[in-house]
Protein backbone atom coordinates (compact mmCIF):
# COMPACT_ATOMS: atom_id res chain seq x y z
CA MET A 1 86.86 3.07 -45.66
CA ARG A 2 83.88 1.19 -47.10
CA PRO A 3 80.79 3.40 -47.20
CA PHE A 4 77.35 1.78 -46.95
CA GLU A 5 76.08 1.02 -50.43
CA GLY A 6 72.52 0.92 -49.11
CA THR A 7 70.49 0.39 -45.98
CA MET A 8 67.67 -2.03 -45.25
CA PRO A 9 64.18 -0.88 -44.21
CA LEU A 10 63.48 -1.50 -40.54
CA GLU A 11 60.56 -3.87 -41.13
CA GLU A 12 62.64 -6.00 -43.48
CA ALA A 13 65.39 -6.26 -40.85
CA ARG A 14 62.82 -7.28 -38.25
CA ALA A 15 61.46 -9.96 -40.58
CA ILE A 16 64.94 -11.43 -41.10
CA ILE A 17 65.51 -11.58 -37.34
CA GLU A 18 62.10 -13.19 -36.82
CA ARG A 19 62.82 -15.89 -39.41
CA THR A 20 66.26 -16.62 -38.00
CA ILE A 21 65.62 -16.75 -34.26
CA VAL A 22 64.91 -20.19 -32.76
CA PRO A 23 63.32 -20.51 -29.30
CA ILE A 24 65.56 -22.13 -26.73
CA ALA A 25 65.12 -25.88 -26.16
CA ARG A 26 67.32 -26.26 -23.06
CA THR A 27 65.44 -26.74 -19.80
CA GLU A 28 66.24 -26.71 -16.09
CA ARG A 29 64.47 -27.24 -12.79
CA VAL A 30 63.96 -24.31 -10.45
CA ARG A 31 62.25 -23.86 -7.10
CA VAL A 32 58.62 -22.83 -7.34
CA LEU A 33 59.64 -19.92 -5.11
CA ASP A 34 61.90 -18.74 -7.97
CA ALA A 35 59.60 -19.70 -10.86
CA SER A 36 57.75 -16.41 -11.37
CA GLY A 37 58.87 -14.83 -14.64
CA ARG A 38 59.94 -18.15 -16.16
CA VAL A 39 58.33 -20.26 -18.91
CA LEU A 40 57.00 -23.72 -18.13
CA ALA A 41 58.65 -26.52 -20.13
CA ARG A 42 56.25 -29.40 -19.35
CA ASP A 43 52.53 -29.77 -18.74
CA VAL A 44 51.65 -29.90 -15.04
CA ALA A 45 48.75 -32.15 -13.97
CA ALA A 46 47.23 -32.46 -10.50
CA ASP A 47 47.76 -35.72 -8.63
CA ALA A 48 45.19 -34.77 -5.98
CA ASP A 49 42.08 -32.64 -5.54
CA VAL A 50 42.44 -28.99 -4.50
CA PRO A 51 41.10 -28.41 -1.92
CA PRO A 52 41.63 -31.98 -0.69
CA PHE A 53 38.47 -31.86 1.43
CA SER A 54 35.18 -29.98 1.54
CA ARG A 55 35.53 -26.95 3.80
CA ALA A 56 33.64 -24.07 5.31
CA ALA A 57 33.66 -20.96 3.16
CA MET A 58 32.40 -18.77 6.01
CA ASP A 59 32.70 -18.53 9.77
CA GLY A 60 29.52 -20.01 11.20
CA TYR A 61 27.86 -23.35 11.79
CA ALA A 62 27.98 -26.52 9.75
CA VAL A 63 24.44 -27.87 9.47
CA ARG A 64 22.16 -30.22 7.61
CA ALA A 65 20.44 -27.82 5.21
CA ALA A 66 17.12 -29.60 5.68
CA ASP A 67 17.20 -28.70 9.39
CA THR A 68 17.14 -24.98 8.56
CA ALA A 69 14.08 -25.05 6.30
CA ASN A 70 11.78 -22.06 6.89
CA ALA A 71 14.13 -20.46 9.43
CA SER A 72 13.69 -16.67 9.71
CA ARG A 73 14.23 -13.78 12.10
CA GLN A 74 10.63 -14.06 13.18
CA SER A 75 10.72 -17.85 13.45
CA PRO A 76 14.27 -19.10 14.17
CA ILE A 77 15.25 -22.74 14.21
CA ALA A 78 17.09 -24.05 17.30
CA LEU A 79 20.01 -26.45 16.77
CA ARG A 80 22.24 -28.11 19.37
CA CYS A 81 25.92 -27.20 18.88
CA ILE A 82 28.06 -30.22 19.74
CA GLU A 83 31.60 -29.08 18.85
CA GLN A 84 33.90 -26.31 17.68
CA THR A 85 36.27 -26.92 14.76
CA PHE A 86 39.00 -24.55 13.61
CA THR A 87 41.29 -24.62 10.57
CA GLY A 88 43.82 -27.40 10.79
CA GLN A 89 41.50 -29.53 12.92
CA VAL A 90 39.38 -32.53 11.93
CA PRO A 91 35.84 -32.70 13.42
CA ARG A 92 35.48 -35.46 15.99
CA HIS A 93 31.73 -35.83 15.59
CA SER A 94 29.24 -36.36 12.81
CA ILE A 95 26.21 -34.11 12.66
CA GLY A 96 22.86 -35.74 13.31
CA PRO A 97 19.32 -34.34 13.08
CA GLY A 98 18.92 -31.08 14.97
CA GLN A 99 22.68 -30.68 15.53
CA CYS A 100 25.37 -28.27 14.29
CA ILE A 101 29.11 -27.72 14.71
CA GLU A 102 30.77 -24.31 14.95
CA VAL A 103 33.33 -23.96 12.11
CA ALA A 104 35.92 -21.38 11.11
CA THR A 105 36.51 -20.39 7.50
CA GLY A 106 38.64 -23.10 5.88
CA ALA A 107 37.86 -25.78 8.47
CA PRO A 108 36.88 -29.23 7.16
CA LEU A 109 33.16 -29.75 6.76
CA PRO A 110 31.97 -32.30 9.35
CA SER A 111 30.46 -35.58 8.27
CA GLY A 112 26.69 -35.34 8.00
CA ALA A 113 26.75 -31.59 7.22
CA ASP A 114 26.01 -30.23 3.74
CA ALA A 115 25.92 -26.45 4.33
CA VAL A 116 27.21 -23.65 6.56
CA VAL A 117 25.08 -20.93 8.14
CA MET A 118 26.98 -17.64 8.45
CA VAL A 119 27.56 -16.60 12.05
CA GLU A 120 25.76 -13.32 11.28
CA GLU A 121 22.57 -15.33 10.79
CA THR A 122 22.78 -17.03 14.20
CA ALA A 123 22.75 -16.32 17.92
CA GLY A 124 23.45 -18.35 21.02
CA ASP A 125 21.53 -18.36 24.28
CA GLY A 126 20.84 -14.79 25.26
CA GLY A 127 22.13 -13.58 21.89
CA THR A 128 25.73 -14.68 22.48
CA LEU A 129 27.46 -18.05 22.34
CA GLN A 130 27.54 -19.88 25.65
CA GLY A 131 29.40 -22.90 27.02
CA ALA A 132 32.87 -24.38 26.57
CA PRO A 133 34.54 -25.74 23.44
CA TYR A 134 35.29 -29.40 22.81
CA ASP A 135 37.63 -30.75 25.48
CA THR A 136 40.44 -32.40 23.47
CA GLU A 137 42.36 -33.59 26.53
CA ARG A 138 39.40 -35.43 28.07
CA GLY A 139 38.15 -36.63 24.68
CA GLU A 140 34.56 -35.67 25.29
CA SER A 141 32.13 -33.09 24.01
CA ASN A 142 31.21 -30.07 26.08
CA GLU A 143 28.08 -28.82 24.40
CA ILE A 144 28.11 -25.11 23.58
CA GLY A 145 24.36 -24.90 23.85
CA LEU A 146 21.45 -24.09 21.64
CA ILE A 147 22.08 -22.01 18.55
CA ARG A 148 19.26 -20.09 16.97
CA VAL A 149 19.36 -19.99 13.15
CA PHE A 150 17.66 -17.00 11.49
CA ALA A 151 18.03 -17.94 7.79
CA ALA A 152 17.56 -21.13 5.79
CA VAL A 153 20.47 -22.42 3.70
CA GLN A 154 20.56 -24.66 0.65
CA PRO A 155 22.74 -27.76 0.26
CA GLN A 156 26.39 -26.74 -0.49
CA GLN A 157 25.73 -23.12 0.47
CA ASN A 158 28.85 -21.49 1.95
CA VAL A 159 30.81 -24.69 1.31
CA GLY A 160 33.97 -25.04 -0.73
CA ARG A 161 33.61 -28.58 -2.03
CA GLN A 162 36.52 -30.98 -2.46
CA GLY A 163 38.20 -30.53 -5.85
CA ALA A 164 36.22 -27.38 -6.62
CA ASP A 165 39.40 -25.52 -7.59
CA ILE A 166 41.44 -28.32 -9.18
CA SER A 167 40.40 -31.91 -9.71
CA ARG A 168 42.75 -34.89 -9.64
CA GLY A 169 44.20 -35.58 -13.11
CA GLN A 170 43.38 -32.10 -14.43
CA THR A 171 46.08 -30.34 -16.49
CA VAL A 172 46.60 -27.19 -14.49
CA LEU A 173 49.23 -25.47 -16.66
CA HIS A 174 50.46 -26.25 -20.16
CA ALA A 175 54.02 -26.15 -21.46
CA GLY A 176 54.83 -22.67 -22.71
CA SER A 177 52.83 -20.94 -19.96
CA PHE A 178 54.46 -17.79 -18.62
CA LEU A 179 54.64 -18.21 -14.86
CA ASN A 180 53.34 -15.14 -13.08
CA ALA A 181 52.49 -14.91 -9.39
CA SER A 182 49.09 -16.62 -9.65
CA ARG A 183 50.40 -19.49 -11.78
CA ALA A 184 53.29 -20.07 -9.41
CA GLY A 185 50.67 -20.12 -6.66
CA ALA A 186 48.76 -22.85 -8.53
CA LEU A 187 51.93 -24.94 -8.56
CA SER A 188 52.22 -24.51 -4.80
CA ALA A 189 48.58 -25.56 -4.39
CA LEU A 190 49.60 -28.91 -5.90
CA GLY A 191 52.33 -29.30 -3.31
CA LEU A 192 55.16 -28.85 -5.82
CA THR A 193 58.49 -27.49 -4.63
CA ASP A 194 60.26 -27.36 -8.01
CA VAL A 195 59.24 -27.24 -11.66
CA GLU A 196 60.83 -27.67 -15.10
CA VAL A 197 61.20 -24.44 -17.04
CA TYR A 198 63.04 -23.31 -20.15
CA ALA A 199 66.55 -22.09 -19.42
CA LYS A 200 67.31 -18.41 -19.71
CA PRO A 201 69.36 -17.71 -22.86
CA ARG A 202 72.96 -16.82 -22.11
CA VAL A 203 74.00 -13.71 -24.01
CA ALA A 204 77.63 -12.91 -24.75
CA ILE A 205 78.23 -9.16 -24.48
CA LEU A 206 81.45 -7.79 -25.84
CA SER A 207 82.72 -4.33 -26.67
CA THR A 208 85.37 -3.68 -29.28
CA GLY A 209 87.81 -0.83 -29.66
CA ASP A 210 91.25 0.24 -28.47
CA GLU A 211 89.69 3.34 -26.90
CA ILE A 212 87.27 1.41 -24.64
CA VAL A 213 88.16 0.74 -20.99
CA ASP A 214 86.10 -0.58 -18.10
CA PRO A 215 84.82 1.88 -15.48
CA GLY A 216 87.22 2.07 -12.54
CA THR A 217 90.27 2.04 -14.80
CA PRO A 218 92.20 5.33 -15.13
CA LEU A 219 91.61 6.88 -18.55
CA ALA A 220 94.60 7.37 -20.79
CA ALA A 221 94.63 9.98 -23.54
CA GLY A 222 91.98 9.20 -26.16
CA GLN A 223 90.15 6.60 -24.06
CA ILE A 224 86.53 6.51 -22.86
CA TYR A 225 84.62 4.34 -20.42
CA ASP A 226 82.58 1.41 -21.68
CA ILE A 227 78.89 2.34 -21.47
CA ASN A 228 77.44 -0.26 -23.82
CA LYS A 229 78.50 -3.29 -21.80
CA VAL A 230 76.40 -1.97 -18.91
CA THR A 231 73.36 -0.87 -20.90
CA LEU A 232 73.25 -4.06 -22.98
CA SER A 233 73.55 -6.18 -19.83
CA ALA A 234 70.60 -4.34 -18.33
CA VAL A 235 68.44 -4.87 -21.42
CA VAL A 236 69.34 -8.57 -21.51
CA SER A 237 68.46 -9.02 -17.83
CA GLU A 238 65.15 -7.18 -18.26
CA HIS A 239 64.09 -9.40 -21.16
CA GLY A 240 64.74 -12.90 -19.93
CA GLY A 241 68.42 -13.45 -20.65
CA VAL A 242 71.59 -13.93 -18.64
CA PRO A 243 74.27 -11.39 -19.63
CA VAL A 244 77.78 -12.83 -19.86
CA THR A 245 80.34 -10.09 -20.30
CA TYR A 246 83.65 -10.70 -22.06
CA ARG A 247 86.82 -8.64 -22.06
CA THR A 248 87.02 -5.87 -24.62
CA ALA A 249 88.46 -6.89 -27.99
CA MET A 250 91.20 -4.79 -29.50
CA ASP A 251 91.01 -3.42 -33.03
CA THR A 252 92.86 -6.25 -34.73
CA LEU A 253 91.48 -9.07 -36.84
CA GLU A 254 93.24 -11.58 -34.61
CA ASP A 255 91.72 -10.30 -31.37
CA VAL A 256 88.24 -9.82 -32.77
CA SER A 257 88.38 -13.33 -34.26
CA ARG A 258 89.53 -14.71 -30.90
CA ALA A 259 86.69 -12.89 -29.16
CA VAL A 260 84.05 -14.29 -31.52
CA ASP A 261 85.34 -17.82 -30.92
CA ASP A 262 85.23 -17.31 -27.14
CA CYS A 263 81.66 -15.97 -27.24
CA LEU A 264 80.34 -18.97 -29.20
CA ALA A 265 79.96 -20.74 -25.86
CA GLU A 266 76.77 -18.68 -25.31
CA ASP A 267 73.33 -18.80 -26.98
CA LEU A 268 73.41 -15.31 -28.50
CA LEU A 269 76.25 -12.92 -29.34
CA VAL A 270 75.94 -9.14 -28.98
CA PHE A 271 78.93 -6.99 -29.89
CA SER A 272 79.07 -3.21 -29.74
CA GLY A 273 81.44 -1.17 -31.87
CA GLY A 274 83.29 -2.27 -34.96
CA SER A 275 80.14 -2.58 -37.06
CA SER A 276 80.46 0.64 -39.05
CA VAL A 277 82.56 1.28 -42.16
CA GLY A 278 85.85 2.62 -40.82
CA ARG A 279 89.26 0.98 -41.31
CA ARG A 280 89.13 -0.50 -37.81
CA ASP A 281 85.50 -1.62 -37.95
CA LEU A 282 86.43 -5.28 -38.29
CA ILE A 283 83.54 -7.24 -36.88
CA ILE A 284 81.72 -7.58 -40.21
CA ASP A 285 84.83 -9.07 -41.84
CA VAL A 286 85.18 -11.61 -39.02
CA ILE A 287 81.51 -12.62 -39.08
CA ALA A 288 81.55 -12.93 -42.88
CA GLU A 289 84.57 -15.23 -42.61
CA LYS A 290 83.19 -17.39 -39.80
CA GLY A 291 79.48 -17.31 -40.58
CA GLU A 292 76.91 -15.30 -42.51
CA VAL A 293 75.99 -11.60 -42.40
CA LEU A 294 72.24 -11.39 -43.01
CA PHE A 295 72.10 -7.62 -43.03
CA HIS A 296 74.41 -4.68 -42.36
CA GLY A 297 72.97 -1.20 -42.19
CA ILE A 298 69.37 -0.24 -41.34
CA ALA A 299 67.49 2.85 -42.44
CA VAL A 300 67.00 4.10 -38.87
CA LYS A 301 68.35 6.97 -36.82
CA PRO A 302 70.07 6.46 -34.45
CA GLY A 303 71.51 3.01 -35.11
CA LYS A 304 72.21 2.85 -38.83
CA PRO A 305 75.41 0.70 -38.59
CA THR A 306 73.68 -2.34 -37.06
CA ALA A 307 74.40 -5.85 -38.28
CA PHE A 308 72.78 -9.23 -37.79
CA GLY A 309 73.87 -12.69 -38.81
CA LEU A 310 74.73 -16.22 -37.82
CA VAL A 311 78.09 -17.53 -36.67
CA GLY A 312 78.59 -21.09 -35.51
CA GLY A 313 74.83 -21.51 -35.66
CA LYS A 314 74.38 -18.74 -33.07
CA PRO A 315 72.56 -15.47 -33.84
CA PHE A 316 74.78 -12.42 -33.74
CA PHE A 317 73.99 -8.71 -33.31
CA GLY A 318 76.60 -6.13 -34.23
CA MET A 319 75.52 -2.94 -32.45
CA PRO A 320 76.83 0.57 -33.10
CA GLY A 321 79.48 1.84 -30.73
CA TYR A 322 77.69 5.11 -30.00
CA PRO A 323 75.79 4.63 -26.71
CA THR A 324 72.44 6.09 -27.81
CA SER A 325 72.50 4.20 -31.10
CA CYS A 326 73.41 0.97 -29.31
CA LEU A 327 70.74 1.27 -26.62
CA SER A 328 68.03 2.40 -29.04
CA ASN A 329 68.50 -0.65 -31.26
CA ALA A 330 68.79 -2.86 -28.20
CA TYR A 331 65.24 -1.85 -27.29
CA ILE A 332 63.93 -2.02 -30.85
CA LEU A 333 65.66 -5.15 -32.19
CA LEU A 334 67.54 -7.07 -29.50
CA ALA A 335 64.85 -7.14 -26.79
CA PRO A 336 62.08 -8.63 -29.00
CA ALA A 337 64.52 -11.20 -30.42
CA LEU A 338 65.72 -12.19 -26.97
CA ARG A 339 62.16 -12.58 -25.68
CA ARG A 340 61.43 -14.90 -28.60
CA ILE A 341 64.52 -17.00 -27.83
CA ALA A 342 63.53 -17.12 -24.15
CA ARG A 343 59.92 -18.05 -25.13
CA LEU A 344 58.61 -15.04 -23.22
CA PRO A 345 55.43 -13.31 -24.36
CA GLY A 346 55.90 -10.14 -26.37
CA GLN A 347 56.29 -7.08 -24.21
CA PRO A 348 53.16 -4.89 -24.23
CA VAL A 349 53.77 -1.47 -25.75
CA ARG A 350 53.03 1.35 -23.32
CA SER A 351 52.39 4.67 -25.01
CA LEU A 352 50.90 8.09 -24.37
CA ARG A 353 49.47 10.69 -26.75
CA MET A 354 50.45 14.28 -26.08
CA PRO A 355 51.56 17.45 -27.85
CA LEU A 356 55.19 17.90 -28.89
CA GLY A 357 56.84 20.62 -26.82
CA ALA A 358 59.26 21.87 -29.46
CA ARG A 359 59.84 21.49 -33.20
CA ILE A 360 62.15 18.69 -34.26
CA THR A 361 63.76 17.92 -37.60
CA SER A 362 64.62 14.52 -39.06
CA VAL A 363 66.51 13.04 -41.97
CA THR A 364 64.02 12.02 -44.64
CA ASP A 365 65.78 8.82 -45.75
CA ARG A 366 65.68 7.09 -42.37
CA HIS A 367 63.07 6.11 -39.78
CA GLN A 368 64.00 8.12 -36.70
CA PHE A 369 63.46 7.16 -33.06
CA TYR A 370 63.59 10.52 -31.32
CA SER A 371 63.98 10.39 -27.53
CA VAL A 372 61.75 12.67 -25.46
CA ARG A 373 61.04 13.41 -21.85
CA ILE A 374 57.57 14.13 -20.50
CA ALA A 375 57.16 17.51 -18.82
CA ASP A 376 53.99 19.49 -18.11
CA GLY A 377 51.92 17.18 -20.28
CA GLN A 378 54.18 17.64 -23.31
CA ALA A 379 56.80 15.54 -25.09
CA MET A 380 60.00 17.56 -24.85
CA PRO A 381 62.86 16.62 -27.23
CA ALA A 382 65.76 14.98 -25.37
CA PHE A 383 67.92 13.72 -28.23
CA LYS A 384 71.38 15.29 -28.41
CA ALA A 385 73.63 13.05 -30.47
CA SER A 386 74.17 9.33 -31.00
CA GLY A 387 77.24 9.43 -28.80
CA ASP A 388 75.51 11.08 -25.84
CA ILE A 389 74.02 8.62 -23.31
CA THR A 390 72.00 11.47 -21.76
CA SER A 391 69.85 11.40 -24.90
CA MET A 392 68.38 8.25 -23.35
CA SER A 393 69.08 8.55 -19.62
CA GLN A 394 67.12 11.80 -19.37
CA ALA A 395 64.28 10.58 -21.59
CA ASP A 396 61.04 8.79 -20.70
CA GLY A 397 60.47 7.30 -24.15
CA TYR A 398 60.62 8.07 -27.83
CA ILE A 399 58.51 9.18 -30.77
CA GLU A 400 58.87 7.74 -34.24
CA VAL A 401 59.39 9.93 -37.28
CA PRO A 402 58.79 7.87 -40.42
CA ILE A 403 60.84 8.00 -43.60
CA GLY A 404 59.92 10.97 -45.76
CA VAL A 405 59.04 13.30 -42.87
CA GLY A 406 61.54 16.12 -42.43
CA ALA A 407 60.05 17.82 -39.38
CA VAL A 408 57.39 17.55 -36.68
CA GLU A 409 56.00 20.88 -35.54
CA LYS A 410 55.58 22.12 -31.98
CA GLY A 411 52.09 21.38 -30.67
CA GLU A 412 51.50 18.46 -33.02
CA THR A 413 50.05 15.41 -31.24
CA VAL A 414 52.55 12.56 -31.07
CA ASP A 415 52.61 9.00 -29.68
CA VAL A 416 55.27 8.57 -27.01
CA THR A 417 56.39 4.96 -26.56
CA LEU A 418 57.62 4.62 -23.00
CA PHE A 419 60.90 2.89 -22.22
């Protein structure tokens, strides 16, 4: 047994992780359809205008703005409608003096037109549109009739001009941009089908311990099911990584050493169990032999026996075996580190202020993350013990009790950070 000689303050541990983590450089191409949630690896410039033509921004009539001067309800202007044009069609005629063409929203603006009068500001003969549309089979114009215009328009009014959204040669998105739905849509507007993004970090997840077995396996005396492999995989997936699970390592130096070597194929190593100070907590010995332990032991509760280091040039987290301790530090330490490796933006903190529903006590020499559930507008304590997964599974978030505070009283206002 090798008791902790001291523990590191949480902020100091975070600073070490921040200095050590290197953002991933590997890239890959993915379909634009699958690009949301990824990080762009190269600048993207437009090779064409968007939209590629001037178009109607309203249903109505394409006109020469000068022809509508002084039009009003009391004194409408009459124009001769020579064609109908819908989206996906190209106008067959140019507009001359005293003419107009009926257009649908998004239809190309006809040659000669410089504005669109909204249909609400017009009327056909007898107050409704009359006549037949353009006869495409015969290739000739069937005039719709006279259209009365009740409002003047200015040049470019109700027109989406060519290149108004994106102009040819413009850098639309820069490398490092987080691709959300709207940015993926901008890529589609350029006609792109795939895009270069940074690869998702691959994260080796391994549990250690003779007592650990995978769910679905019959339990022998003294054995328990592996919880941490599942919870760590979920955290990795939620924060931009690809979890790669490895078989459980037995409590021997040889098997733990073999496991570390196997996991070096990935970008980040996360082990649970074996990081405390018992006779069979061997992971620290193996990491010290193969790499460098940057810290071991943090002044937090739960999660004190957490380690971090480098092995084979890869960052390594040694998480506690207790499920609540493991998952708590996965949220607090692993998730931010993984997002930095994946080049993802920091996750916004969501929190609520509310009264504490019951008194809680805390150790004064450690920063405690106390899990709570929200009920009837209060933060109700949910923490049981570091080994009880229900401390987290039945909680909505946690409150922080800083070092030096031994208790938080019922009714005191607390900040609940939501999971």
